[in-house]
Amino acid sequence: MRYAQGGGLTAEECARREKVRLEAAEWIEEGATDAEVAARFRVTRMSANRWRRALAAGGRPALASKGPGGARCRLTPAQLEELQVLLEAGPAAWGWADQCWTLARIAAVVHTRFGVEYTLPGLDLLLHRLGWSVQGPRGARRSGMRSRSPPGGRRAGRK
């Protein structure tokens, strides 16, 4: 699932979900089963059971939102905007003759410009969050498909 701005929930959505968990805690404390809680709050029984266990282990504070998961971005919002501009300028602006950005090249630019090192998978996640995607060589998939014949050895369209 992809969220707006590339990931996570807004503060309002986090607060709404926390409110649902706290309302469910009241039902759980009154003796409702996981199935009843799940049906009432339109969640899975697994979620209801997870809330029950968290409530038993740590009380209501255990149901509070913990904020967005995962590692925090090492670039500031201003640096992310600048990175967008740098990427749009193309690799030639950084001395590469061809017009192909690679993860290694982008990692080098990020390290040179911002002094921040990313692993290639980490950089891939960051770029996807910014709306960039990996693209293979043009026609590579189509040329492979052209050489295949359907079962029976006949090509489509011929009789």
Protein backbone atom coordinates (compact mmCIF):
# COMPACT_ATOMS: atom_id res chain seq x y z
CA MET A 1 0.00 0.00 0.00
CA ARG A 2 1.32 3.44 -0.85
CA TYR A 3 0.43 6.46 1.25
CA ALA A 4 0.47 10.12 0.32
CA GLN A 5 3.93 11.68 0.62
CA GLY A 6 5.47 8.23 0.23
CA GLY A 7 4.77 6.53 3.49
CA GLY A 8 3.18 6.37 6.88
CA LEU A 9 0.08 7.97 8.28
CA THR A 10 -0.65 11.60 8.91
CA ALA A 11 -0.79 12.82 12.50
CA GLU A 12 -4.60 12.93 12.29
CA GLU A 13 -4.78 9.33 11.08
CA CYS A 14 -2.42 8.18 13.85
CA ALA A 15 -4.59 9.94 16.43
CA ARG A 16 -7.76 8.42 14.97
CA ARG A 17 -6.31 4.90 15.11
CA GLU A 18 -5.09 5.43 18.66
CA LYS A 19 -8.60 6.56 19.64
CA VAL A 20 -10.01 3.34 18.15
CA ARG A 21 -7.52 1.24 20.15
CA LEU A 22 -8.42 3.06 23.37
CA GLU A 23 -12.16 2.58 22.73
CA ALA A 24 -11.48 -1.10 22.08
CA ALA A 25 -9.61 -1.24 25.40
CA GLU A 26 -12.87 -0.31 27.18
CA TRP A 27 -14.65 -3.21 25.49
CA ILE A 28 -11.80 -5.59 26.30
CA GLU A 29 -11.83 -4.51 29.95
CA GLU A 30 -15.59 -5.12 30.07
CA GLY A 31 -15.01 -8.71 28.93
CA ALA A 32 -15.70 -8.59 25.19
CA THR A 33 -14.16 -11.39 23.13
CA ASP A 34 -11.64 -10.82 20.36
CA ALA A 35 -14.33 -11.63 17.80
CA GLU A 36 -16.71 -9.03 19.30
CA VAL A 37 -13.99 -6.35 19.39
CA ALA A 38 -12.96 -7.19 15.82
CA ALA A 39 -16.53 -6.95 14.55
CA ARG A 40 -17.28 -3.71 16.45
CA PHE A 41 -14.13 -1.88 15.30
CA ARG A 42 -13.86 -3.50 11.86
CA VAL A 43 -10.40 -4.98 12.41
CA THR A 44 -9.07 -8.52 12.28
CA ARG A 45 -9.30 -10.83 15.28
CA MET A 46 -5.49 -10.86 15.24
CA SER A 47 -5.44 -7.09 15.80
CA ALA A 48 -7.99 -7.38 18.59
CA ASN A 49 -5.88 -10.10 20.21
CA ARG A 50 -2.72 -7.99 19.83
CA TRP A 51 -4.50 -5.09 21.56
CA ARG A 52 -5.68 -7.42 24.35
CA ARG A 53 -2.13 -8.67 24.97
CA ALA A 54 -0.67 -5.14 24.87
CA LEU A 55 -3.34 -3.95 27.31
CA ALA A 56 -2.60 -6.85 29.68
CA ALA A 57 1.16 -6.29 29.50
CA GLY A 58 1.36 -2.50 29.70
CA GLY A 59 -2.08 -1.01 30.27
CA ARG A 60 -3.54 1.75 28.13
CA PRO A 61 -0.16 3.44 27.51
CA ALA A 62 0.83 0.29 25.56
CA LEU A 63 -1.93 1.12 23.05
CA ALA A 64 -0.61 4.63 22.38
CA SER A 65 0.77 5.43 18.95
CA LYS A 66 4.50 4.91 18.69
CA GLY A 67 4.82 7.13 15.63
CA PRO A 68 6.02 6.10 12.21
CA GLY A 69 8.09 2.95 12.01
CA GLY A 70 11.39 2.38 10.27
CA ALA A 71 14.53 4.42 10.17
CA ARG A 72 14.34 8.18 10.00
CA CYS A 73 15.41 9.89 6.82
CA ARG A 74 18.96 11.20 7.09
CA LEU A 75 18.26 14.12 4.77
CA THR A 76 16.29 17.19 5.81
CA PRO A 77 13.21 18.21 3.83
CA ALA A 78 15.27 21.00 2.22
CA GLN A 79 17.96 18.50 1.22
CA LEU A 80 15.31 16.19 -0.24
CA GLU A 81 14.03 19.05 -2.38
CA GLU A 82 17.57 19.85 -3.48
CA LEU A 83 18.14 16.18 -4.33
CA GLN A 84 15.06 16.27 -6.58
CA VAL A 85 16.55 19.26 -8.43
CA LEU A 86 19.93 17.52 -8.74
CA LEU A 87 18.34 14.38 -10.14
CA GLU A 88 16.23 16.33 -12.61
CA ALA A 89 19.39 18.09 -13.86
CA GLY A 90 20.64 14.68 -14.99
CA PRO A 91 23.90 12.80 -14.54
CA ALA A 92 25.70 14.95 -17.14
CA ALA A 93 25.62 17.82 -14.65
CA TRP A 94 27.83 15.65 -12.42
CA GLY A 95 30.25 14.61 -15.14
CA TRP A 96 28.75 11.38 -16.45
CA ALA A 97 28.52 11.43 -20.23
CA ASP A 98 25.49 9.18 -20.61
CA GLN A 99 22.04 10.07 -19.35
CA CYS A 100 21.66 7.13 -16.96
CA TRP A 101 21.29 7.54 -13.23
CA THR A 102 22.36 4.45 -11.32
CA LEU A 103 21.96 3.89 -7.60
CA ALA A 104 25.75 3.99 -7.22
CA ARG A 105 25.93 7.35 -9.00
CA ILE A 106 23.10 8.81 -6.95
CA ALA A 107 24.75 7.51 -3.76
CA ALA A 108 27.96 9.27 -4.81
CA VAL A 109 26.08 12.53 -5.43
CA VAL A 110 24.28 12.30 -2.07
CA HIS A 111 27.58 11.64 -0.29
CA THR A 112 29.43 14.42 -2.13
CA ARG A 113 26.70 17.04 -1.83
CA PHE A 114 25.23 16.25 1.62
CA GLY A 115 27.92 14.16 3.33
CA VAL A 116 25.44 11.36 3.99
CA GLU A 117 26.06 7.73 3.08
CA TYR A 118 23.23 5.42 2.07
CA THR A 119 23.29 1.74 1.21
CA LEU A 120 21.99 1.06 -2.27
CA PRO A 121 18.81 -0.63 -0.97
CA GLY A 122 18.27 2.26 1.44
CA LEU A 123 18.74 4.76 -1.37
CA ASP A 124 16.30 2.77 -3.51
CA LEU A 125 13.65 3.10 -0.79
CA LEU A 126 14.33 6.82 -0.46
CA LEU A 127 14.02 7.36 -4.22
CA HIS A 128 10.76 5.42 -4.35
CA ARG A 129 9.44 7.59 -1.54
CA LEU A 130 10.32 10.64 -3.64
CA GLY A 131 8.46 9.18 -6.63
CA TRP A 132 11.45 7.94 -8.66
CA SER A 133 11.42 4.41 -10.06
CA VAL A 134 13.95 2.00 -11.51
CA GLN A 135 13.73 1.51 -15.24
CA GLY A 136 15.47 -1.15 -17.28
CA PRO A 137 16.92 -0.73 -20.76
CA ARG A 138 14.34 0.17 -23.37
CA GLY A 139 13.06 -2.72 -25.45
CA ALA A 140 14.87 -5.37 -23.41
CA ARG A 141 11.67 -7.08 -22.36
CA ARG A 142 9.92 -6.68 -25.70
CA SER A 143 12.79 -8.10 -27.73
CA GLY A 144 12.77 -11.21 -25.55
CA MET A 145 9.05 -11.58 -26.02
CA ARG A 146 9.27 -11.23 -29.80
CA SER A 147 11.45 -14.29 -30.18
CA ARG A 148 9.02 -16.60 -28.37
CA SER A 149 6.49 -18.69 -30.19
CA PRO A 150 3.18 -19.80 -28.73
CA PRO A 151 2.64 -23.49 -28.00
CA GLY A 152 2.50 -25.51 -31.20
CA GLY A 153 5.18 -23.44 -32.88
CA ARG A 154 2.81 -21.01 -34.59
CA ARG A 155 2.99 -17.30 -34.10
CA ALA A 156 -0.15 -15.35 -33.26
CA GLY A 157 -1.94 -13.95 -36.27
CA ARG A 158 -0.70 -16.56 -38.74
CA LYS A 159 -2.85 -19.42 -40.07
